[in-house]
Protein backbone atom coordinates (compact mmCIF):
# COMPACT_ATOMS: atom_id res chain seq x y z
CA MET A 1 -0.02 -0.07 -0.10
CA HIS A 2 1.12 3.45 -0.82
CA ASP A 3 -0.23 5.47 2.14
CA ILE A 4 1.37 6.59 5.12
CA ILE A 5 -0.94 4.68 7.61
CA HIS A 6 0.35 1.27 6.46
CA ASN A 7 4.09 2.37 6.08
CA ILE A 8 4.67 3.81 9.48
CA GLU A 9 4.32 1.84 12.77
CA VAL A 10 3.10 4.07 15.53
CA THR A 11 3.58 2.91 19.13
CA GLN A 12 2.84 4.82 22.40
CA VAL A 13 5.97 3.91 24.38
CA LEU A 14 5.37 6.17 27.32
CA ALA A 15 1.75 6.83 28.44
CA PRO A 16 1.06 10.40 29.44
CA GLN A 17 2.04 10.82 33.05
CA THR A 18 3.37 13.50 35.49
CA LEU A 19 7.08 13.67 35.59
CA GLN A 20 8.13 15.30 38.89
CA ALA A 21 10.88 13.45 40.85
CA GLU A 22 11.63 10.29 39.07
CA ALA A 23 12.90 9.75 35.46
CA CYS A 24 10.60 8.01 32.99
CA ASP A 25 11.71 6.31 29.89
CA SER A 26 10.39 4.80 26.56
CA GLY A 27 11.18 1.25 27.56
CA VAL A 28 13.23 -0.78 25.04
CA ILE A 29 12.32 0.10 21.45
CA ASP A 30 13.33 -2.71 19.06
CA MET A 31 14.41 -1.63 15.60
CA GLN A 32 14.34 -5.14 14.18
CA GLY A 33 12.26 -5.17 10.89
CA CYS A 34 12.48 -1.41 10.46
CA GLU A 35 15.10 0.81 8.98
CA THR A 36 14.00 4.23 10.49
CA LEU A 37 12.93 5.43 13.76
CA ALA A 38 11.61 8.80 15.12
CA ILE A 39 10.69 9.26 18.76
CA ALA A 40 8.21 12.13 19.63
CA VAL A 41 8.34 13.36 23.16
CA LEU A 42 5.14 15.42 24.12
CA ILE A 43 5.71 17.89 27.03
CA GLY A 44 2.74 19.56 28.66
CA ALA A 45 2.26 22.50 30.88
CA ILE A 46 5.05 22.28 33.68
CA GLY A 47 3.83 23.62 37.06
CA ASP A 48 7.44 24.88 37.89
CA PRO A 49 9.14 27.99 36.34
CA LEU A 50 11.71 26.41 34.01
CA ASP A 51 15.34 27.54 33.81
CA ALA A 52 18.83 26.18 33.79
CA ASP A 53 18.25 24.78 37.36
CA LYS A 54 14.67 23.53 36.87
CA ARG A 55 14.26 21.51 33.74
CA ILE A 56 13.51 18.34 31.97
CA ASP A 57 16.33 16.66 30.14
CA LEU A 58 15.65 14.24 27.21
CA LYS A 59 18.48 11.54 26.61
CA ILE A 60 18.76 8.98 23.88
CA GLU A 61 20.68 5.77 24.25
CA HIS A 62 21.35 2.67 22.03
CA ALA A 63 22.49 -0.92 22.52
CA ASP A 64 23.44 -3.92 20.32
CA ASP A 65 21.71 -7.30 20.50
CA ASP A 66 23.47 -9.24 23.33
CA GLY A 67 23.28 -12.40 21.12
CA THR A 68 19.92 -13.52 22.76
CA GLY A 69 17.60 -11.10 21.28
CA ALA A 70 17.83 -8.84 24.16
CA PRO A 71 19.69 -5.42 24.43
CA ASP A 72 23.37 -5.35 25.72
CA ALA A 73 24.31 -2.41 27.87
CA PHE A 74 22.89 0.95 26.70
CA ALA A 75 25.35 3.78 25.87
CA ALA A 76 24.61 7.47 25.13
CA CYS A 77 23.96 8.32 21.47
CA THR A 78 26.28 11.01 19.88
CA ALA A 79 25.40 13.61 17.31
CA ASP A 80 26.37 11.18 14.64
CA ASP A 81 23.65 8.71 15.88
CA VAL A 82 20.62 11.28 15.56
CA LEU A 83 18.75 13.50 13.29
CA ASN A 84 17.04 16.79 14.32
CA ALA A 85 19.21 17.75 17.38
CA ASP A 86 21.23 20.91 17.30
CA THR A 87 23.60 19.38 19.92
CA VAL A 88 24.00 16.04 21.84
CA GLU A 89 25.86 15.89 25.05
CA SER A 90 26.09 12.60 26.88
CA GLY A 91 23.03 11.60 25.07
CA VAL A 92 21.02 14.58 26.06
CA PHE A 93 19.50 16.06 22.86
CA PHE A 94 16.93 18.65 24.42
CA SER A 95 16.31 20.41 27.72
CA ALA A 96 13.07 21.93 28.48
CA ASP A 97 14.79 24.81 30.41
CA ASP A 98 12.58 27.65 29.60
CA ASP A 99 8.88 28.26 29.98
CA ALA A 100 8.62 28.70 26.20
CA LYS A 101 9.57 24.91 25.88
CA GLU A 102 6.59 23.52 27.73
CA ASN A 103 3.35 22.62 25.77
CA THR A 104 5.51 21.55 22.94
CA ARG A 105 6.86 18.47 21.13
CA CYS A 106 10.41 17.30 20.50
CA VAL A 107 11.07 14.99 17.76
CA ILE A 108 14.45 13.07 17.33
CA GLY A 109 15.43 10.65 14.49
CA TYR A 110 17.69 7.70 15.13
CA CYS A 111 20.28 6.66 12.59
CA GLY A 112 22.79 5.08 14.71
CA GLY A 113 22.68 1.41 13.41
CA LYS A 114 22.05 -0.38 16.64
CA ARG A 115 19.06 -2.61 17.30
CA PHE A 116 17.77 -1.16 20.56
CA VAL A 117 16.98 2.45 21.47
CA LYS A 118 15.69 4.10 24.63
CA VAL A 119 14.77 7.62 25.43
CA THR A 120 14.59 8.93 29.09
CA ALA A 121 12.85 12.15 30.34
CA THR A 122 14.71 13.20 33.57
CA PRO A 123 13.18 15.93 35.73
CA VAL A 124 15.85 18.16 37.38
CA SER A 125 14.87 20.05 40.70
CA LEU A 126 11.12 20.14 39.84
CA ALA A 127 8.62 20.53 42.71
CA THR A 128 5.38 20.18 40.72
CA GLY A 129 6.45 18.75 37.35
CA GLY A 130 4.05 18.16 34.41
CA PRO A 131 2.86 15.61 31.92
CA VAL A 132 5.14 13.86 29.43
CA ALA A 133 4.35 11.20 26.95
CA MET A 134 6.28 9.50 24.08
CA LEU A 135 5.49 7.94 20.54
CA ALA A 136 7.78 5.86 18.52
CA LEU A 137 7.34 6.06 14.87
CA LYS A 138 9.14 3.20 12.79
CA GLY A 139 9.40 3.43 9.11
CA LEU A 140 10.61 1.36 6.07
CA ALA A 141 9.36 -1.84 7.55
CA ALA A 142 10.49 -5.15 6.15
CA LYS A 143 7.05 -6.50 6.41
CA LYS A 144 4.27 -4.43 4.90
CA PRO A 145 1.65 -3.21 5.35
CA VAL A 146 2.21 -2.25 8.98
CA ASP A 147 -0.83 -2.75 11.24
CA ASN A 148 -1.76 0.48 13.08
CA GLY A 149 -5.26 -0.87 13.88
């Protein structure tokens, strides 16, 4: 099929939840059977004023298959492993460190070549926090059409 619905697999990898004191992550995203991956992180209204000391950091990591079909140790991605990030420092590709960065979405593409990917949202010094959710969009699937039903 030549439509977008059957050519991109969309998966909710983090249900909307309040991010306040503990980090949450996408869980392990398995790239097997797909050639491309984008992760959309949706950030809602944060109850704290955001700045360099009160923020949410988004980090992307990847891992090879350990030989059993499970991920080996995750390592931080570099700028060479991702698309759509101005900078990547120790895997951190975005910081919601300004009130203008709430009620927004951040989309990162993965091109690192490893089988497993994980994105983590880490709150830094937030008292109230706010909602965060994540979607994984896999493309160029080996098996088509993709079932998004």
